[in-house]
Amino acid sequence: MIPATARAGLASWPARAEAWLDDRGRPAWIAAMVVGFIVFWPAGLAILAYMIWSKRMFNRSCRSRRSMSRNVAWNSSGNVAFDAYKADTLRRLEEEQIAFESFLQRLREAKDKKEFDAFMDERARTSDKPAADADA
């Protein structure tokens, strides 16, 4: 019987291997693929398919999105004044984004209302025509 800690270690090795390869870049992924083809060709094919599916094959830098975006915005620079400026700028940008999204929502609602009013006007005109033809 395998202890729970060992099972957790066995289950996490693919993520650790992926992070290790990402830290070393595209040449490490290509080397792993070549070794996979030499040792057991389906493994090499699986690595190639994963590289294409995850876009590691065609990106300029092979760093994963997860490692690139890891707390980049919230890392402290060590300079208190700069960190305060950065926090204020990020807050202001978030407020502008919220204001812009609400503007877009109001714009969509106005467009929808205009289209609906045009539809209702057209419908009213077409429903008036048969009544006018019946009276004549």
Protein backbone atom coordinates (compact mmCIF):
# COMPACT_ATOMS: atom_id res chain seq x y z
CA MET A 1 0.00 0.00 0.00
CA ILE A 2 1.32 3.44 -0.99
CA PRO A 3 1.15 6.18 1.69
CA ALA A 4 -0.99 9.24 0.94
CA THR A 5 2.02 11.56 0.78
CA ALA A 6 3.68 9.32 -1.80
CA ARG A 7 0.47 9.22 -3.86
CA ALA A 8 0.29 13.03 -3.79
CA GLY A 9 3.91 13.18 -4.97
CA LEU A 10 3.20 10.73 -7.76
CA ALA A 11 0.16 12.71 -8.87
CA SER A 12 2.01 16.02 -8.98
CA TRP A 13 5.06 14.93 -10.99
CA PRO A 14 3.61 15.99 -14.37
CA ALA A 15 3.07 19.54 -13.12
CA ARG A 16 6.56 19.64 -11.64
CA ALA A 17 8.06 18.29 -14.88
CA GLU A 18 6.15 20.87 -16.93
CA ALA A 19 7.34 23.71 -14.67
CA TRP A 20 10.91 22.40 -14.86
CA LEU A 21 10.80 22.28 -18.68
CA ASP A 22 9.16 25.72 -18.84
CA ASP A 23 11.97 27.19 -16.71
CA ARG A 24 14.53 25.87 -19.19
CA GLY A 25 12.69 27.05 -22.31
CA ARG A 26 11.84 25.65 -25.73
CA PRO A 27 15.12 23.73 -26.20
CA ALA A 28 14.28 21.62 -23.12
CA TRP A 29 10.86 20.80 -24.55
CA ILE A 30 12.41 19.83 -27.90
CA ALA A 31 15.01 17.68 -26.14
CA ALA A 32 12.27 15.95 -24.13
CA MET A 33 10.34 15.31 -27.34
CA VAL A 34 13.41 13.84 -29.10
CA VAL A 35 14.19 11.62 -26.11
CA GLY A 36 10.54 10.59 -26.06
CA PHE A 37 10.73 9.56 -29.73
CA ILE A 38 13.94 7.61 -29.13
CA VAL A 39 12.74 5.79 -26.00
CA PHE A 40 9.10 5.18 -26.91
CA TRP A 41 7.74 6.88 -30.03
CA PRO A 42 4.17 7.40 -28.70
CA ALA A 43 5.65 9.39 -25.78
CA GLY A 44 7.49 11.67 -28.21
CA LEU A 45 4.33 12.06 -30.25
CA ALA A 46 2.36 12.88 -27.08
CA ILE A 47 4.92 15.55 -26.11
CA LEU A 48 4.79 17.03 -29.62
CA ALA A 49 0.98 17.12 -29.53
CA TYR A 50 1.08 18.77 -26.09
CA MET A 51 3.59 21.37 -27.30
CA ILE A 52 1.37 22.25 -30.24
CA TRP A 53 -1.87 22.21 -28.18
CA SER A 54 -0.41 24.42 -25.44
CA LYS A 55 1.22 26.73 -28.02
CA ARG A 56 4.68 26.11 -26.55
CA MET A 57 5.96 25.17 -30.01
CA PHE A 58 5.22 28.52 -31.64
CA ASN A 59 5.58 31.09 -28.83
CA ARG A 60 8.65 33.33 -28.85
CA SER A 61 9.31 32.61 -25.20
CA CYS A 62 8.47 29.20 -23.90
CA ARG A 63 7.57 30.42 -20.43
CA SER A 64 4.10 29.34 -19.47
CA ARG A 65 1.45 32.00 -18.99
CA ARG A 66 1.14 30.90 -15.40
CA SER A 67 4.79 31.56 -14.60
CA MET A 68 4.85 34.87 -16.52
CA SER A 69 1.82 36.32 -14.80
CA ARG A 70 2.71 35.09 -11.33
CA ASN A 71 2.06 38.16 -9.18
CA VAL A 72 3.87 40.51 -11.58
CA ALA A 73 1.57 43.42 -10.75
CA TRP A 74 1.78 42.98 -6.97
CA ASN A 75 5.49 42.33 -6.46
CA SER A 76 7.10 44.96 -4.28
CA SER A 77 9.93 46.91 -5.82
CA GLY A 78 11.35 47.84 -2.43
CA ASN A 79 10.65 51.52 -3.07
CA VAL A 80 7.64 52.61 -1.00
CA ALA A 81 6.91 55.69 -3.12
CA PHE A 82 6.97 53.71 -6.35
CA ASP A 83 4.81 50.95 -4.87
CA ALA A 84 2.24 53.57 -3.77
CA TYR A 85 2.30 55.12 -7.26
CA LYS A 86 1.89 51.70 -8.86
CA ALA A 87 -1.03 50.80 -6.56
CA ASP A 88 -2.72 54.15 -7.28
CA THR A 89 -2.22 53.75 -11.04
CA LEU A 90 -3.60 50.19 -11.00
CA ARG A 91 -6.62 51.34 -8.97
CA ARG A 92 -7.25 54.19 -11.41
CA LEU A 93 -6.96 51.86 -14.40
CA GLU A 94 -9.40 49.41 -12.82
CA GLU A 95 -11.87 52.27 -12.23
CA GLU A 96 -11.48 53.37 -15.86
CA GLN A 97 -12.05 49.81 -17.02
CA ILE A 98 -15.25 49.56 -14.96
CA ALA A 99 -16.46 52.93 -16.29
CA PHE A 100 -15.70 51.89 -19.87
CA GLU A 101 -17.49 48.56 -19.45
CA SER A 102 -20.57 50.34 -18.08
CA PHE A 103 -20.41 52.77 -21.03
CA LEU A 104 -20.32 49.83 -23.45
CA GLN A 105 -23.28 48.25 -21.65
CA ARG A 106 -25.30 51.48 -21.95
CA LEU A 107 -24.31 51.71 -25.62
CA ARG A 108 -25.50 48.14 -26.26
CA GLU A 109 -28.77 48.83 -24.44
CA ALA A 110 -29.37 52.00 -26.51
CA LYS A 111 -28.64 50.11 -29.72
CA ASP A 112 -30.99 47.30 -28.71
CA LYS A 113 -33.74 49.80 -27.85
CA LYS A 114 -33.28 51.59 -31.18
CA GLU A 115 -33.47 48.29 -33.10
CA PHE A 116 -36.51 47.17 -31.10
CA ASP A 117 -38.29 50.52 -31.68
CA ALA A 118 -37.56 50.26 -35.42
CA PHE A 119 -38.96 46.73 -35.44
CA MET A 120 -42.11 47.81 -33.62
CA ASP A 121 -42.59 50.80 -35.98
CA GLU A 122 -42.19 48.54 -39.01
CA ARG A 123 -44.58 46.01 -37.53
CA ALA A 124 -47.15 48.73 -36.83
CA ARG A 125 -46.89 49.98 -40.44
CA THR A 126 -47.30 46.49 -41.90
CA SER A 127 -50.26 45.72 -39.65
CA ASP A 128 -51.96 49.04 -40.65
CA LYS A 129 -51.69 48.30 -44.40
CA PRO A 130 -53.98 45.24 -44.46
CA ALA A 131 -56.59 47.13 -42.40
CA ALA A 132 -56.45 50.03 -44.85
CA ASP A 133 -56.78 47.61 -47.81
CA ALA A 134 -59.84 45.94 -46.21
CA ASP A 135 -61.59 49.34 -45.76
CA ALA A 136 -61.10 50.26 -49.43
